[in-house]
Amino acid sequence: MKYVLNFAHPLTKDQREEIERQVGAFFEIHQPAQFDMNASNLREQVQRLVWPTYNGLGGHENIVAVIPPSLAIAAYWTALEINAGIPAIWLRRDGDTVPPRFVVGGIE
């Protein structure tokens, strides 16, 4: 089974379809990221988020892509923690709708 680790918002139907078109059938592991921005240990919070999920899947062999947290520095540290050549899925805003709508920007 192929997995997409999602540390951001749940995927919409359109986003799931686009990702499946690009990587094939997958199972989404949605692990929402909520960080305490008043704490001095953001990187440790990222580690506690990433490693149990990553190790529970047996490492990077079954992970086809990662959707990082929206918070830029947390996304950066997530990449550092995983650093296994796994592509990231990035989402881009689609127009100026309210509420905002995001579509798959790419898998790189």
C-alpha atoms as a PDB file:
ATOM      1  CA  MET A   1       0.000   0.000   0.000  1.00  0.00           C
ATOM      2  CA  LYS A   2       1.192   3.513  -0.833  1.00  0.00           C
ATOM      3  CA  TYR A   3       0.734   6.240   1.774  1.00  0.00           C
ATOM      4  CA  VAL A   4       0.533  10.023   1.654  1.00  0.00           C
ATOM      5  CA  LEU A   5       1.429  11.606   5.003  1.00  0.00           C
ATOM      6  CA  ASN A   6      -0.724  14.686   5.472  1.00  0.00           C
ATOM      7  CA  PHE A   7       0.287  17.054   8.273  1.00  0.00           C
ATOM      8  CA  ALA A   8      -1.957  19.864   6.989  1.00  0.00           C
ATOM      9  CA  HIS A   9      -5.705  20.129   6.326  1.00  0.00           C
ATOM     10  CA  PRO A  10      -7.729  17.087   5.206  1.00  0.00           C
ATOM     11  CA  LEU A  11      -7.678  16.584   1.448  1.00  0.00           C
ATOM     12  CA  THR A  12     -10.727  17.559  -0.548  1.00  0.00           C
ATOM     13  CA  LYS A  13     -12.224  15.197  -3.117  1.00  0.00           C
ATOM     14  CA  ASP A  14     -10.627  17.196  -5.959  1.00  0.00           C
ATOM     15  CA  GLN A  15      -7.213  17.165  -4.271  1.00  0.00           C
ATOM     16  CA  ARG A  16      -7.416  13.395  -3.674  1.00  0.00           C
ATOM     17  CA  GLU A  17      -8.329  12.792  -7.314  1.00  0.00           C
ATOM     18  CA  GLU A  18      -5.437  14.922  -8.583  1.00  0.00           C
ATOM     19  CA  ILE A  19      -2.911  13.235  -6.301  1.00  0.00           C
ATOM     20  CA  GLU A  20      -4.211   9.794  -7.278  1.00  0.00           C
ATOM     21  CA  ARG A  21      -3.880  10.759 -10.945  1.00  0.00           C
ATOM     22  CA  GLN A  22      -0.206  11.551 -10.335  1.00  0.00           C
ATOM     23  CA  VAL A  23       0.903   8.821  -7.874  1.00  0.00           C
ATOM     24  CA  GLY A  24      -1.745   6.109  -8.232  1.00  0.00           C
ATOM     25  CA  ALA A  25      -3.964   4.697  -5.512  1.00  0.00           C
ATOM     26  CA  PHE A  26      -2.930   5.748  -2.016  1.00  0.00           C
ATOM     27  CA  PHE A  27      -4.100   5.840   1.577  1.00  0.00           C
ATOM     28  CA  GLU A  28      -4.016   9.220   3.313  1.00  0.00           C
ATOM     29  CA  ILE A  29      -2.556   9.278   6.810  1.00  0.00           C
ATOM     30  CA  HIS A  30      -3.921  12.556   8.173  1.00  0.00           C
ATOM     31  CA  GLN A  31      -2.035  13.721  11.239  1.00  0.00           C
ATOM     32  CA  PRO A  32      -3.057  17.353  11.819  1.00  0.00           C
ATOM     33  CA  ALA A  33      -0.345  19.613  13.182  1.00  0.00           C
ATOM     34  CA  GLN A  34      -1.173  21.899  16.084  1.00  0.00           C
ATOM     35  CA  PHE A  35       1.858  23.649  17.488  1.00  0.00           C
ATOM     36  CA  ASP A  36       2.291  25.647  20.672  1.00  0.00           C
ATOM     37  CA  MET A  37       3.871  28.781  19.249  1.00  0.00           C
ATOM     38  CA  ASN A  38       4.598  30.083  22.748  1.00  0.00           C
ATOM     39  CA  ALA A  39       6.859  27.127  23.538  1.00  0.00           C
ATOM     40  CA  SER A  40      10.555  27.172  22.793  1.00  0.00           C
ATOM     41  CA  ASN A  41      10.608  23.598  21.514  1.00  0.00           C
ATOM     42  CA  LEU A  42       8.930  23.780  18.105  1.00  0.00           C
ATOM     43  CA  ARG A  43      11.389  21.363  16.549  1.00  0.00           C
ATOM     44  CA  GLU A  44      10.715  18.817  19.321  1.00  0.00           C
ATOM     45  CA  GLN A  45       6.995  19.226  18.659  1.00  0.00           C
ATOM     46  CA  VAL A  46       7.652  18.460  14.984  1.00  0.00           C
ATOM     47  CA  GLN A  47       9.658  15.370  15.953  1.00  0.00           C
ATOM     48  CA  ARG A  48       6.808  14.126  18.169  1.00  0.00           C
ATOM     49  CA  LEU A  49       4.434  14.630  15.243  1.00  0.00           C
ATOM     50  CA  VAL A  50       6.559  13.038  12.512  1.00  0.00           C
ATOM     51  CA  TRP A  51       8.371  10.057  14.006  1.00  0.00           C
ATOM     52  CA  PRO A  52       5.513   7.948  15.434  1.00  0.00           C
ATOM     53  CA  THR A  53       3.638   8.193  12.126  1.00  0.00           C
ATOM     54  CA  TYR A  54       6.737   7.641   9.986  1.00  0.00           C
ATOM     55  CA  ASN A  55       8.001   4.688  12.022  1.00  0.00           C
ATOM     56  CA  GLY A  56       4.509   3.170  12.229  1.00  0.00           C
ATOM     57  CA  LEU A  57       4.565   2.826   8.441  1.00  0.00           C
ATOM     58  CA  GLY A  58       7.958   1.140   8.458  1.00  0.00           C
ATOM     59  CA  GLY A  59       9.942   4.110   7.173  1.00  0.00           C
ATOM     60  CA  HIS A  60       9.993   5.768   3.779  1.00  0.00           C
ATOM     61  CA  GLU A  61       9.565   2.722   1.520  1.00  0.00           C
ATOM     62  CA  ASN A  62       5.751   2.911   1.586  1.00  0.00           C
ATOM     63  CA  ILE A  63       5.410   6.702   1.645  1.00  0.00           C
ATOM     64  CA  VAL A  64       4.845   8.206  -1.798  1.00  0.00           C
ATOM     65  CA  ALA A  65       4.509  11.852  -0.700  1.00  0.00           C
ATOM     66  CA  VAL A  66       4.232  14.181   2.280  1.00  0.00           C
ATOM     67  CA  ILE A  67       1.993  17.208   2.733  1.00  0.00           C
ATOM     68  CA  PRO A  68       3.913  19.323   5.255  1.00  0.00           C
ATOM     69  CA  PRO A  69       2.338  21.554   7.903  1.00  0.00           C
ATOM     70  CA  SER A  70       1.360  25.000   6.665  1.00  0.00           C
ATOM     71  CA  LEU A  71       3.625  26.769   9.150  1.00  0.00           C
ATOM     72  CA  ALA A  72       6.797  27.412   7.157  1.00  0.00           C
ATOM     73  CA  ILE A  73       9.386  26.611   9.819  1.00  0.00           C
ATOM     74  CA  ALA A  74       7.502  23.465  10.868  1.00  0.00           C
ATOM     75  CA  ALA A  75       7.369  22.410   7.223  1.00  0.00           C
ATOM     76  CA  TYR A  76      11.115  22.943   6.950  1.00  0.00           C
ATOM     77  CA  TRP A  77      11.828  20.836  10.037  1.00  0.00           C
ATOM     78  CA  THR A  78       9.437  18.134   8.836  1.00  0.00           C
ATOM     79  CA  ALA A  79      11.518  17.907   5.668  1.00  0.00           C
ATOM     80  CA  LEU A  80      14.715  17.688   7.705  1.00  0.00           C
ATOM     81  CA  GLU A  81      13.278  14.931   9.877  1.00  0.00           C
ATOM     82  CA  ILE A  82      12.066  12.793   6.984  1.00  0.00           C
ATOM     83  CA  ASN A  83      14.809  13.617   4.432  1.00  0.00           C
ATOM     84  CA  ALA A  84      14.491  10.351   2.544  1.00  0.00           C
ATOM     85  CA  GLY A  85      13.891  11.581  -0.983  1.00  0.00           C
ATOM     86  CA  ILE A  86      10.105  11.426  -0.526  1.00  0.00           C
ATOM     87  CA  PRO A  87       8.320  13.976  -2.728  1.00  0.00           C
ATOM     88  CA  ALA A  88       6.246  16.720  -1.143  1.00  0.00           C
ATOM     89  CA  ILE A  89       2.762  17.700  -2.259  1.00  0.00           C
ATOM     90  CA  TRP A  90       2.234  21.426  -2.218  1.00  0.00           C
ATOM     91  CA  LEU A  91      -1.122  23.133  -2.292  1.00  0.00           C
ATOM     92  CA  ARG A  92      -1.799  26.515  -3.854  1.00  0.00           C
ATOM     93  CA  ARG A  93      -4.682  28.896  -3.373  1.00  0.00           C
ATOM     94  CA  ASP A  94      -7.269  28.779  -6.162  1.00  0.00           C
ATOM     95  CA  GLY A  95      -8.434  32.339  -6.745  1.00  0.00           C
ATOM     96  CA  ASP A  96      -9.686  34.701  -4.061  1.00  0.00           C
ATOM     97  CA  THR A  97     -12.621  32.668  -2.773  1.00  0.00           C
ATOM     98  CA  VAL A  98     -13.936  32.966   0.765  1.00  0.00           C
ATOM     99  CA  PRO A  99     -13.400  30.633   2.404  1.00  0.00           C
ATOM    100  CA  PRO A 100     -10.117  29.980   0.612  1.00  0.00           C
ATOM    101  CA  ARG A 101      -9.959  26.972  -1.703  1.00  0.00           C
ATOM    102  CA  PHE A 102      -6.701  25.128  -2.278  1.00  0.00           C
ATOM    103  CA  VAL A 103      -5.808  22.854  -5.184  1.00  0.00           C
ATOM    104  CA  VAL A 104      -2.835  20.596  -5.767  1.00  0.00           C
ATOM    105  CA  GLY A 105       0.023  22.811  -6.962  1.00  0.00           C
ATOM    106  CA  GLY A 106       2.387  19.945  -7.657  1.00  0.00           C
ATOM    107  CA  ILE A 107       4.192  16.874  -6.402  1.00  0.00           C
ATOM    108  CA  GLU A 108       7.934  17.408  -6.318  1.00  0.00           C
END
